[in-house]
Amino acid sequence: MTISLLPRQVSARTLTTAGLFTVLMGAALAPIDLFIVNVALPTIQADLRASNATLEWVVAGYGIGFALLLVLGGRLGDAFGRRRLFSVGLAAFSLTSLVCGLAPNALTLVVARAAQGAAAALLVPQVLSIIQAGTAGERRARVLGYYGATGGISMVIGQLLGGVLVSADLAGLGWRPIFLVNVPIGLLAMWLARRTLNESRATDPVGLDLLGTPLLGATLLALLVPLMEGHGLGWPWWCWALLAAFPVLLVGFFQVERRVEARGGAPLLPPSVLRMAPMRHGLFIAVPFFAGFGGFMFVYALLLQNGLRLSPLGSGLALTPTAVAFLVTTLLVARLVNRFGRRVMVAASLVLVLSLLVLIGTVLSTWPALTVWHLVPGTLLFGIGQGLAAPTLFRSILSRVPADRAGVGSGVLTTTQQTSLALGVATFGTLFAVLSAPGGVAFAHALTVVSTIQILTSILIGALALRLPDPRESGI
């Protein structure tokens, strides 16, 4: 859904059908790996004897690596060639996937997942850049529609493929094939890239923010490490020290970004863009919205397998209605937005509230005899709500961003999205783990508490959405 306006091109040769297939294959790898791992989390936990906090790192580490280097990856492609960085990203993604699949312990897996997210950040930005450089007019609009649908399709594939691979227990490898399957796919995509893609780069590439990028990483870790590790370790002093350092690092990061922009540089998150009222207000909505989605997928994966003792395939099937509804709704939502504008976002928040109420009622009334079929109405509604909200939110936030800054605005929004997904896993995942631990409330009641918080958040998002810009004014 993010649309990036590129710097001036050297040449824009036509993107062939085979080339489009290649870049969409690459684009699918990153979201598939985001969703495929959710189904395998309990199996990973049992095999590696990992704590709940470690499971959170397996998911959030990928998102953090992705968020930190996403903008940097796009700028490297502009400078050194998009096909080259696309291939480099594929190679790195394949290698890190191999390390994930062979990880002998939980620590290795967490580190490899963060590296895998960083590899995805090199790969994914090149896809839109290659599409923009190699298409024009109606064909560009059609191809961008294919790109948007790829995210929803990847979500469906990730849920189902994860369940199938883990349940099949190929060669006794358990959860490991969910990562190892990326290796042959990545190698095939690299081979296709050499034969189907033209090279392109910008004549005036944007510089790199070599100070702001690591400083943002330190800021995020200062918040996420104590949130995920504090409870399990009994809140040692260094957790409190990190929490105290978080606001200091955050202020320092924005001061660095302000100085870089004042000197004419290219900050990772430009303060001038963040000062735009629509962007600032939109990001205030985007953080809880994407955090809620990340938390939902993580919590339900644990509930279905650890609470209901469903198989990985059963867990994948239980969440597939969410993925299918999300895909179908995102394909239809543009027409609704063109007619009703930001009211679609308000309607989406109401659907999300309804979905969570249905899920709470279903779980409490049928537990412990809850089955996959009982969950279908709630998960279907949740997918519809997400499919209505996500594209509308992107269009609304970017609608008032000047055309010459659309790429920067898109980068800021996507970085916020990935960071918020990781934050949602950290906060909602930790809360659920605490409440469902021995001595805590039962799984069903733990889910009720978490979902109630998400309901209140969705109501707040709906109220704030009334102040969003009208997305019909967007040129996207």
Protein backbone atom coordinates (compact mmCIF):
# COMPACT_ATOMS: atom_id res chain seq x y z
CA MET A 1 0.00 0.00 0.00
CA THR A 2 2.98 2.32 0.40
CA ILE A 3 3.80 4.30 -2.74
CA SER A 4 7.20 5.87 -3.17
CA LEU A 5 8.13 8.64 -5.57
CA LEU A 6 11.67 7.96 -6.72
CA PRO A 7 14.52 10.31 -7.48
CA ARG A 8 15.23 11.06 -11.14
CA GLN A 9 16.07 7.89 -13.08
CA VAL A 10 19.00 7.05 -15.35
CA SER A 11 16.71 5.08 -17.66
CA ALA A 12 13.33 3.41 -17.30
CA ARG A 13 13.16 0.28 -19.41
CA THR A 14 9.95 -1.71 -19.43
CA LEU A 15 9.40 -4.20 -16.66
CA THR A 16 8.47 -7.47 -18.36
CA THR A 17 5.88 -9.93 -17.10
CA ALA A 18 8.68 -12.29 -16.07
CA GLY A 19 10.40 -9.42 -14.26
CA LEU A 20 7.18 -8.55 -12.45
CA PHE A 21 6.83 -12.18 -11.32
CA THR A 22 10.39 -12.04 -10.01
CA VAL A 23 9.97 -8.88 -7.93
CA LEU A 24 6.62 -10.00 -6.56
CA MET A 25 8.23 -13.28 -5.52
CA GLY A 26 10.79 -11.27 -3.59
CA ALA A 27 8.10 -9.00 -2.15
CA ALA A 28 6.18 -12.03 -0.87
CA LEU A 29 9.09 -13.52 1.08
CA ALA A 30 9.18 -10.86 3.80
CA PRO A 31 5.48 -10.89 4.83
CA ILE A 32 5.25 -14.67 4.49
CA ASP A 33 8.07 -15.00 7.01
CA LEU A 34 6.35 -12.53 9.30
CA PHE A 35 3.20 -14.69 9.49
CA ILE A 36 4.59 -18.19 8.99
CA VAL A 37 6.52 -18.06 12.26
CA ASN A 38 3.41 -17.35 14.39
CA VAL A 39 2.05 -20.84 13.74
CA ALA A 40 5.36 -22.43 14.77
CA LEU A 41 5.96 -20.49 18.01
CA PRO A 42 4.80 -23.15 20.52
CA THR A 43 6.74 -25.85 18.64
CA ILE A 44 9.86 -23.67 18.71
CA GLN A 45 9.30 -23.06 22.42
CA ALA A 46 9.08 -26.76 23.20
CA ASP A 47 12.05 -27.75 21.03
CA LEU A 48 14.46 -25.01 22.15
CA ARG A 49 13.06 -24.71 25.68
CA ALA A 50 12.52 -21.03 25.06
CA SER A 51 10.73 -18.64 27.38
CA ASN A 52 7.74 -16.55 26.33
CA ALA A 53 10.05 -13.53 26.22
CA THR A 54 12.31 -15.37 23.77
CA LEU A 55 9.32 -16.12 21.55
CA GLU A 56 8.52 -12.41 21.56
CA TRP A 57 12.08 -11.70 20.40
CA VAL A 58 11.73 -14.26 17.60
CA VAL A 59 8.84 -12.18 16.23
CA ALA A 60 9.84 -8.67 17.30
CA GLY A 61 13.52 -9.04 16.38
CA TYR A 62 12.52 -9.56 12.76
CA GLY A 63 10.33 -6.45 12.85
CA ILE A 64 13.01 -4.29 14.47
CA GLY A 65 15.66 -5.29 11.92
CA PHE A 66 13.17 -4.62 9.13
CA ALA A 67 12.09 -1.23 10.50
CA LEU A 68 15.60 0.10 11.17
CA LEU A 69 17.06 -0.61 7.74
CA LEU A 70 14.01 -0.19 5.51
CA VAL A 71 14.72 3.43 4.55
CA LEU A 72 18.45 2.74 4.36
CA GLY A 73 17.78 -0.18 1.99
CA GLY A 74 15.84 2.02 -0.38
CA ARG A 75 18.57 4.65 -0.45
CA LEU A 76 21.27 2.04 -1.09
CA GLY A 77 19.27 0.75 -4.05
CA ASP A 78 18.98 4.27 -5.49
CA ALA A 79 22.74 4.74 -5.17
CA PHE A 80 24.15 1.36 -6.17
CA GLY A 81 21.47 -0.15 -8.36
CA ARG A 82 18.09 -1.61 -7.49
CA ARG A 83 18.56 -4.96 -9.19
CA ARG A 84 21.91 -5.33 -7.43
CA LEU A 85 20.43 -4.59 -4.00
CA PHE A 86 17.43 -6.80 -4.78
CA SER A 87 19.83 -9.69 -5.43
CA VAL A 88 21.95 -8.84 -2.38
CA GLY A 89 18.82 -8.79 -0.25
CA LEU A 90 17.72 -12.16 -1.63
CA ALA A 91 21.14 -13.66 -0.93
CA ALA A 92 21.17 -12.29 2.62
CA PHE A 93 17.59 -13.42 3.22
CA SER A 94 18.39 -16.93 2.00
CA LEU A 95 21.52 -17.14 4.16
CA THR A 96 19.83 -15.86 7.32
CA SER A 97 16.89 -18.21 6.69
CA LEU A 98 19.35 -21.10 6.56
CA VAL A 99 20.87 -20.01 9.88
CA CYS A 100 17.37 -19.74 11.39
CA GLY A 101 16.53 -23.23 10.19
CA LEU A 102 19.73 -24.70 11.61
CA ALA A 103 19.76 -22.69 14.86
CA PRO A 104 20.97 -24.94 17.69
CA ASN A 105 19.54 -22.74 20.43
CA ALA A 106 17.11 -19.90 21.08
CA LEU A 107 19.75 -17.14 21.17
CA THR A 108 21.03 -18.07 17.73
CA LEU A 109 17.50 -18.06 16.38
CA VAL A 110 16.74 -14.61 17.80
CA VAL A 111 19.93 -13.11 16.35
CA ALA A 112 19.33 -14.79 13.00
CA ARG A 113 15.74 -13.50 12.92
CA ALA A 114 16.93 -9.92 13.48
CA ALA A 115 19.44 -10.39 10.65
CA GLN A 116 16.69 -11.86 8.49
CA GLY A 117 14.59 -8.74 9.08
CA ALA A 118 17.56 -6.58 8.08
CA ALA A 119 17.95 -8.64 4.89
CA ALA A 120 14.25 -8.12 4.12
CA ALA A 121 14.82 -4.37 4.54
CA LEU A 122 17.42 -4.48 1.77
CA LEU A 123 15.11 -6.52 -0.46
CA VAL A 124 11.63 -5.05 -0.13
CA PRO A 125 12.25 -1.35 -0.97
CA GLN A 126 13.74 -2.35 -4.32
CA VAL A 127 10.45 -3.90 -5.42
CA LEU A 128 8.51 -0.63 -5.56
CA SER A 129 11.54 1.16 -6.95
CA ILE A 130 11.90 -1.35 -9.80
CA ILE A 131 8.16 -1.14 -10.51
CA GLN A 132 8.23 2.66 -10.59
CA ALA A 133 11.31 2.72 -12.81
CA GLY A 134 9.97 0.14 -15.29
CA THR A 135 6.28 1.01 -15.64
CA ALA A 136 4.12 4.02 -16.44
CA GLY A 137 0.50 5.08 -16.83
CA GLU A 138 -2.27 2.50 -16.56
CA ARG A 139 0.17 -0.40 -16.43
CA ARG A 140 1.86 1.10 -13.37
CA ALA A 141 -1.50 1.42 -11.61
CA ARG A 142 -2.35 -2.19 -12.48
CA VAL A 143 1.05 -3.48 -11.34
CA LEU A 144 0.81 -1.55 -8.08
CA GLY A 145 -2.52 -3.28 -7.52
CA TYR A 146 -0.75 -6.63 -7.92
CA TYR A 147 1.86 -5.46 -5.43
CA GLY A 148 -0.82 -4.48 -2.91
CA ALA A 149 -2.55 -7.84 -3.27
CA THR A 150 0.74 -9.63 -2.70
CA GLY A 151 0.73 -8.63 0.98
CA GLY A 152 -2.71 -10.17 1.57
CA ILE A 153 -1.88 -13.30 -0.40
CA SER A 154 1.36 -13.66 1.57
CA MET A 155 -0.59 -13.51 4.81
CA VAL A 156 -2.80 -16.40 3.67
CA ILE A 157 0.16 -18.42 2.43
CA GLY A 158 2.12 -17.79 5.62
CA GLN A 159 -0.66 -19.04 7.90
CA LEU A 160 -1.38 -22.17 5.86
CA LEU A 161 2.16 -23.03 4.83
CA GLY A 162 3.42 -22.66 8.39
CA GLY A 163 0.78 -25.06 9.69
CA VAL A 164 1.39 -27.60 6.94
CA LEU A 165 5.19 -27.59 7.25
CA VAL A 166 5.27 -27.86 11.04
CA SER A 167 2.55 -30.53 11.18
CA ALA A 168 4.24 -32.56 8.42
CA ASP A 169 7.44 -32.73 10.53
CA LEU A 170 9.51 -33.29 7.39
CA ALA A 171 12.49 -35.58 8.07
CA GLY A 172 11.85 -35.05 11.78
CA LEU A 173 12.85 -31.38 11.47
CA GLY A 174 9.76 -30.00 13.22
CA TRP A 175 9.56 -26.22 12.84
CA ARG A 176 12.82 -25.79 10.91
CA PRO A 177 11.38 -26.18 7.36
CA ILE A 178 9.44 -22.91 7.77
CA PHE A 179 12.81 -21.17 7.42
CA LEU A 180 14.66 -23.67 5.23
CA VAL A 181 11.98 -23.42 2.52
CA ASN A 182 13.15 -19.84 1.87
CA VAL A 183 16.55 -21.02 0.65
CA PRO A 184 15.52 -22.64 -2.67
CA ILE A 185 12.93 -19.91 -3.26
CA GLY A 186 15.55 -17.22 -2.69
CA LEU A 187 18.06 -18.91 -4.98
CA LEU A 188 15.43 -19.24 -7.71
CA ALA A 189 14.51 -15.55 -7.36
CA MET A 190 18.20 -14.58 -7.59
CA TRP A 191 18.57 -16.62 -10.81
CA LEU A 192 15.44 -15.01 -12.26
CA ALA A 193 16.58 -11.52 -11.26
CA ARG A 194 19.74 -11.84 -13.35
CA ARG A 195 17.69 -12.82 -16.39
CA THR A 196 14.50 -10.78 -16.13
CA LEU A 197 15.33 -7.46 -14.47
CA ASN A 198 17.02 -4.36 -15.86
CA GLU A 199 19.33 -2.32 -13.67
CA SER A 200 18.25 1.17 -12.64
CA ARG A 201 19.48 3.74 -10.17
CA ALA A 202 18.94 7.39 -9.29
CA THR A 203 21.14 10.10 -10.75
CA ASP A 204 20.80 12.11 -7.52
CA PRO A 205 20.49 9.50 -4.75
CA VAL A 206 19.62 10.58 -1.23
CA GLY A 207 22.38 10.28 1.37
CA LEU A 208 22.51 7.87 4.29
CA ASP A 209 21.75 8.67 7.93
CA LEU A 210 24.64 6.80 9.52
CA LEU A 211 24.15 8.33 12.97
CA GLY A 212 20.37 8.41 13.22
CA THR A 213 19.87 4.76 12.22
CA PRO A 214 21.88 3.16 15.07
CA LEU A 215 20.57 5.75 17.52
CA LEU A 216 16.98 4.79 16.65
CA GLY A 217 17.95 1.14 17.16
CA ALA A 218 19.33 1.90 20.61
CA THR A 219 16.18 3.85 21.47
CA LEU A 220 13.87 0.98 20.49
CA LEU A 221 15.94 -1.60 22.36
CA ALA A 222 15.93 0.57 25.49
CA LEU A 223 12.14 0.27 25.48
CA LEU A 224 11.59 -3.26 24.18
CA VAL A 225 14.25 -5.15 26.16
CA PRO A 226 12.81 -4.35 29.61
CA LEU A 227 9.22 -4.80 28.37
CA MET A 228 9.96 -8.31 27.15
CA GLU A 229 12.58 -9.44 29.66
CA GLY A 230 11.67 -7.55 32.83
CA HIS A 231 8.95 -9.83 34.21
CA GLY A 232 10.81 -13.07 33.55
CA LEU A 233 13.98 -11.76 35.21
CA GLY A 234 12.22 -10.20 38.20
CA TRP A 235 12.81 -6.64 37.03
CA PRO A 236 16.55 -6.22 37.75
CA TRP A 237 18.00 -2.72 38.08
CA TRP A 238 19.26 -2.56 34.52
CA CYS A 239 15.71 -2.96 33.17
CA TRP A 240 14.68 0.16 35.05
CA ALA A 241 17.85 1.91 33.86
CA LEU A 242 16.99 1.13 30.25
CA LEU A 243 13.44 2.42 30.70
CA ALA A 244 14.85 5.61 32.20
CA ALA A 245 17.26 5.93 29.27
CA PHE A 246 14.50 5.53 26.67
CA PRO A 247 13.12 9.11 26.77
CA VAL A 248 16.67 10.51 26.86
CA LEU A 249 17.66 8.51 23.79
CA LEU A 250 14.41 9.44 22.04
CA VAL A 251 15.02 13.16 22.56
CA GLY A 252 18.62 12.73 21.46
CA PHE A 253 17.51 10.92 18.30
CA PHE A 254 15.17 13.73 17.26
CA GLN A 255 17.83 16.34 18.02
CA VAL A 256 20.27 14.49 15.75
CA GLU A 257 17.62 14.24 13.03
CA ARG A 258 16.91 17.97 13.30
CA ARG A 259 20.59 18.85 12.94
CA VAL A 260 21.04 16.50 9.98
CA GLU A 261 18.08 18.07 8.18
CA ALA A 262 19.22 21.60 9.03
CA ARG A 263 22.58 20.85 7.39
CA GLY A 264 20.81 19.73 4.23
CA GLY A 265 21.30 16.03 4.93
CA ALA A 266 18.80 13.17 4.66
CA PRO A 267 17.64 12.09 8.13
CA LEU A 268 16.01 8.71 8.65
CA LEU A 269 12.81 10.32 9.98
CA PRO A 270 12.79 13.95 8.77
CA PRO A 271 11.41 16.30 11.47
CA SER A 272 9.87 18.53 8.78
CA VAL A 273 7.67 15.62 7.67
CA LEU A 274 6.80 14.65 11.24
CA ARG A 275 5.75 18.25 11.92
CA MET A 276 3.04 18.05 9.25
CA ALA A 277 -0.26 17.89 11.14
CA PRO A 278 -1.80 15.06 9.05
CA MET A 279 1.36 12.98 9.37
CA ARG A 280 1.70 13.61 13.09
CA HIS A 281 -1.95 12.86 13.79
CA GLY A 282 -1.93 9.82 11.51
CA LEU A 283 1.13 8.32 13.19
CA PHE A 284 -0.56 8.79 16.57
CA ILE A 285 -3.29 6.46 15.23
CA ALA A 286 -0.91 4.13 13.36
CA VAL A 287 1.11 3.15 16.44
CA PRO A 288 -1.77 1.62 18.46
CA PHE A 289 -3.42 0.24 15.32
CA PHE A 290 -0.43 -1.77 14.10
CA ALA A 291 0.60 -2.65 17.65
CA GLY A 292 -2.86 -4.14 18.15
CA PHE A 293 -2.54 -6.25 15.02
CA GLY A 294 0.92 -7.55 15.95
CA GLY A 295 -0.27 -8.37 19.46
CA PHE A 296 -3.41 -10.12 18.18
CA MET A 297 -1.53 -12.49 15.87
CA PHE A 298 1.02 -13.36 18.57
CA VAL A 299 -1.48 -13.88 21.39
CA TYR A 300 -3.87 -16.01 19.36
CA ALA A 301 -1.04 -18.23 18.14
CA LEU A 302 -0.19 -19.01 21.79
CA LEU A 303 -3.83 -19.37 22.81
CA LEU A 304 -4.66 -21.85 20.05
CA GLN A 305 -1.72 -24.17 20.65
CA ASN A 306 -0.75 -23.72 24.30
CA GLY A 307 -4.31 -23.14 25.51
CA LEU A 308 -6.43 -25.32 23.22
CA ARG A 309 -3.66 -27.76 22.30
CA LEU A 310 -4.44 -27.40 18.60
CA SER A 311 -1.90 -28.72 16.13
CA PRO A 312 0.14 -26.18 14.14
CA LEU A 313 -2.05 -26.96 11.12
CA GLY A 314 -5.19 -26.42 13.19
CA SER A 315 -3.79 -23.13 14.45
CA GLY A 316 -2.99 -22.03 10.92
CA LEU A 317 -6.49 -22.94 9.73
CA ALA A 318 -8.05 -21.08 12.67
CA LEU A 319 -6.38 -17.81 11.65
CA THR A 320 -6.76 -18.30 7.90
CA PRO A 321 -10.22 -16.59 7.83
CA THR A 322 -8.47 -13.45 9.09
CA ALA A 323 -5.95 -13.61 6.27
CA VAL A 324 -8.52 -14.38 3.55
CA ALA A 325 -10.89 -11.64 4.74
CA PHE A 326 -7.99 -9.18 4.86
CA LEU A 327 -6.99 -10.03 1.28
CA VAL A 328 -10.49 -9.75 -0.17
CA THR A 329 -11.29 -6.54 1.71
CA THR A 330 -8.09 -4.79 0.64
CA LEU A 331 -9.00 -5.51 -2.99
CA LEU A 332 -12.38 -3.80 -2.55
CA VAL A 333 -11.63 -1.01 -0.08
CA ALA A 334 -10.44 1.56 -2.66
CA ARG A 335 -13.99 1.91 -4.00
CA LEU A 336 -15.36 2.45 -0.51
CA VAL A 337 -12.72 5.06 0.29
CA ASN A 338 -13.43 6.90 -2.97
CA ARG A 339 -17.08 7.14 -1.92
CA PHE A 340 -16.99 7.54 1.85
CA GLY A 341 -13.49 8.90 2.59
CA ARG A 342 -12.22 8.73 6.17
CA ARG A 343 -15.55 7.35 7.40
CA VAL A 344 -14.26 3.98 6.20
CA MET A 345 -11.64 4.17 8.95
CA VAL A 346 -14.35 4.84 11.53
CA ALA A 347 -16.38 1.91 10.23
CA ALA A 348 -13.26 -0.27 10.35
CA SER A 349 -12.73 0.50 14.02
CA LEU A 350 -16.34 -0.47 14.76
CA VAL A 351 -15.89 -3.77 12.89
CA LEU A 352 -12.72 -4.44 14.90
CA VAL A 353 -14.57 -3.75 18.15
CA LEU A 354 -17.36 -6.12 17.07
CA SER A 355 -14.86 -8.82 16.07
CA LEU A 356 -13.12 -8.70 19.44
CA LEU A 357 -16.45 -8.80 21.32
CA VAL A 358 -17.49 -11.83 19.26
CA LEU A 359 -14.17 -13.55 19.97
CA ILE A 360 -14.39 -12.84 23.70
CA GLY A 361 -17.95 -14.16 23.84
CA THR A 362 -17.05 -17.24 21.80
CA VAL A 363 -14.03 -18.12 23.94
CA LEU A 364 -15.79 -17.61 27.28
CA SER A 365 -18.96 -19.49 26.26
CA THR A 366 -17.30 -22.53 24.68
CA TRP A 367 -14.01 -22.95 26.59
CA PRO A 368 -12.48 -25.54 26.83
CA ALA A 369 -14.57 -27.17 24.06
CA LEU A 370 -13.61 -24.36 21.68
CA THR A 371 -12.95 -25.49 18.10
CA VAL A 372 -11.60 -23.86 14.95
CA TRP A 373 -15.15 -23.49 13.61
CA HIS A 374 -16.26 -21.53 16.68
CA LEU A 375 -13.60 -18.93 15.92
CA VAL A 376 -14.52 -18.33 12.27
CA PRO A 377 -17.06 -15.47 12.78
CA GLY A 378 -14.73 -13.46 15.02
CA THR A 379 -11.54 -13.99 13.04
CA LEU A 380 -13.40 -13.25 9.78
CA LEU A 381 -14.67 -9.95 11.15
CA PHE A 382 -11.21 -9.09 12.45
CA GLY A 383 -9.72 -9.61 8.98
CA ILE A 384 -12.41 -7.40 7.42
CA GLY A 385 -11.73 -4.66 9.94
CA GLN A 386 -7.99 -4.80 9.31
CA GLY A 387 -8.53 -4.83 5.54
CA LEU A 388 -10.74 -1.74 5.75
CA ALA A 389 -8.44 0.14 8.08
CA ALA A 390 -4.88 -0.42 6.86
CA PRO A 391 -5.17 0.90 3.26
CA THR A 392 -7.43 3.76 4.37
CA LEU A 393 -4.98 4.81 7.08
CA PHE A 394 -2.06 4.84 4.62
CA ARG A 395 -3.98 6.92 2.10
CA SER A 396 -5.24 9.35 4.74
CA ILE A 397 -1.82 9.96 6.28
CA LEU A 398 -0.09 10.46 2.93
CA SER A 399 -2.90 12.49 1.31
CA ARG A 400 -1.53 15.88 2.40
CA VAL A 401 2.17 15.06 1.99
CA PRO A 402 3.59 17.09 -0.94
CA ALA A 403 4.34 15.05 -4.06
CA ASP A 404 8.07 15.70 -3.81
CA ARG A 405 8.08 14.28 -0.26
CA ALA A 406 5.76 11.32 -0.82
CA GLY A 407 8.63 8.84 -0.81
CA VAL A 408 9.94 10.24 2.48
CA GLY A 409 6.47 10.18 4.02
CA SER A 410 5.95 6.60 2.90
CA GLY A 411 9.28 5.59 4.46
CA VAL A 412 8.35 7.25 7.78
CA LEU A 413 4.98 5.51 7.83
CA THR A 414 6.34 2.08 6.94
CA THR A 415 9.09 2.36 9.56
CA THR A 416 6.43 3.27 12.13
CA GLN A 417 4.32 0.32 11.01
CA GLN A 418 7.09 -2.24 11.49
CA THR A 419 8.21 -0.74 14.80
CA SER A 420 4.62 -0.77 16.09
CA LEU A 421 4.15 -4.42 15.15
CA ALA A 422 7.18 -5.27 17.29
CA LEU A 423 5.88 -3.06 20.11
CA GLY A 424 2.52 -4.86 20.00
CA VAL A 425 4.19 -8.24 20.38
CA ALA A 426 6.20 -6.91 23.33
CA THR A 427 3.31 -5.33 25.22
CA PHE A 428 0.33 -7.57 24.52
CA GLY A 429 2.49 -10.71 24.37
CA THR A 430 4.04 -9.97 27.76
CA LEU A 431 0.67 -9.15 29.34
CA PHE A 432 -0.86 -12.37 28.03
CA ALA A 433 2.12 -14.42 29.18
CA VAL A 434 1.93 -12.92 32.68
CA LEU A 435 -1.82 -13.47 33.02
CA SER A 436 -1.80 -17.02 31.65
CA ALA A 437 1.25 -18.17 33.64
CA PRO A 438 0.85 -20.64 36.54
CA GLY A 439 -0.72 -18.68 39.35
CA GLY A 440 -2.29 -16.25 36.91
CA VAL A 441 -5.79 -16.30 35.44
CA ALA A 442 -6.78 -18.99 32.93
CA PHE A 443 -6.01 -18.70 29.21
CA ALA A 444 -9.57 -17.66 28.38
CA HIS A 445 -9.64 -14.90 30.96
CA ALA A 446 -6.15 -13.73 30.00
CA LEU A 447 -7.39 -13.39 26.42
CA THR A 448 -10.40 -11.44 27.67
CA VAL A 449 -8.20 -8.89 29.44
CA VAL A 450 -5.93 -8.43 26.43
CA SER A 451 -8.85 -8.19 24.00
CA THR A 452 -10.66 -5.69 26.22
CA ILE A 453 -7.64 -3.39 26.07
CA GLN A 454 -7.63 -3.75 22.29
CA ILE A 455 -11.35 -2.91 22.18
CA LEU A 456 -10.75 0.32 24.09
CA THR A 457 -7.85 1.11 21.76
CA SER A 458 -10.03 0.49 18.68
CA ILE A 459 -12.71 2.84 20.04
CA LEU A 460 -10.05 5.53 20.55
CA ILE A 461 -8.74 4.96 17.01
CA GLY A 462 -12.26 5.39 15.59
CA ALA A 463 -12.72 8.67 17.44
CA LEU A 464 -9.33 10.01 16.35
CA ALA A 465 -9.97 8.93 12.75
CA LEU A 466 -12.60 11.67 12.45
CA ARG A 467 -9.71 14.16 12.40
CA LEU A 468 -7.78 12.42 9.65
CA PRO A 469 -7.45 14.15 6.26
CA ASP A 470 -9.88 12.99 3.60
CA PRO A 471 -8.02 10.20 1.73
CA ARG A 472 -9.91 11.11 -1.45
CA GLU A 473 -7.56 14.09 -1.71
CA SER A 474 -4.61 11.71 -2.04
CA GLY A 475 -2.84 11.30 -5.34
CA ILE A 476 -1.97 7.72 -4.45
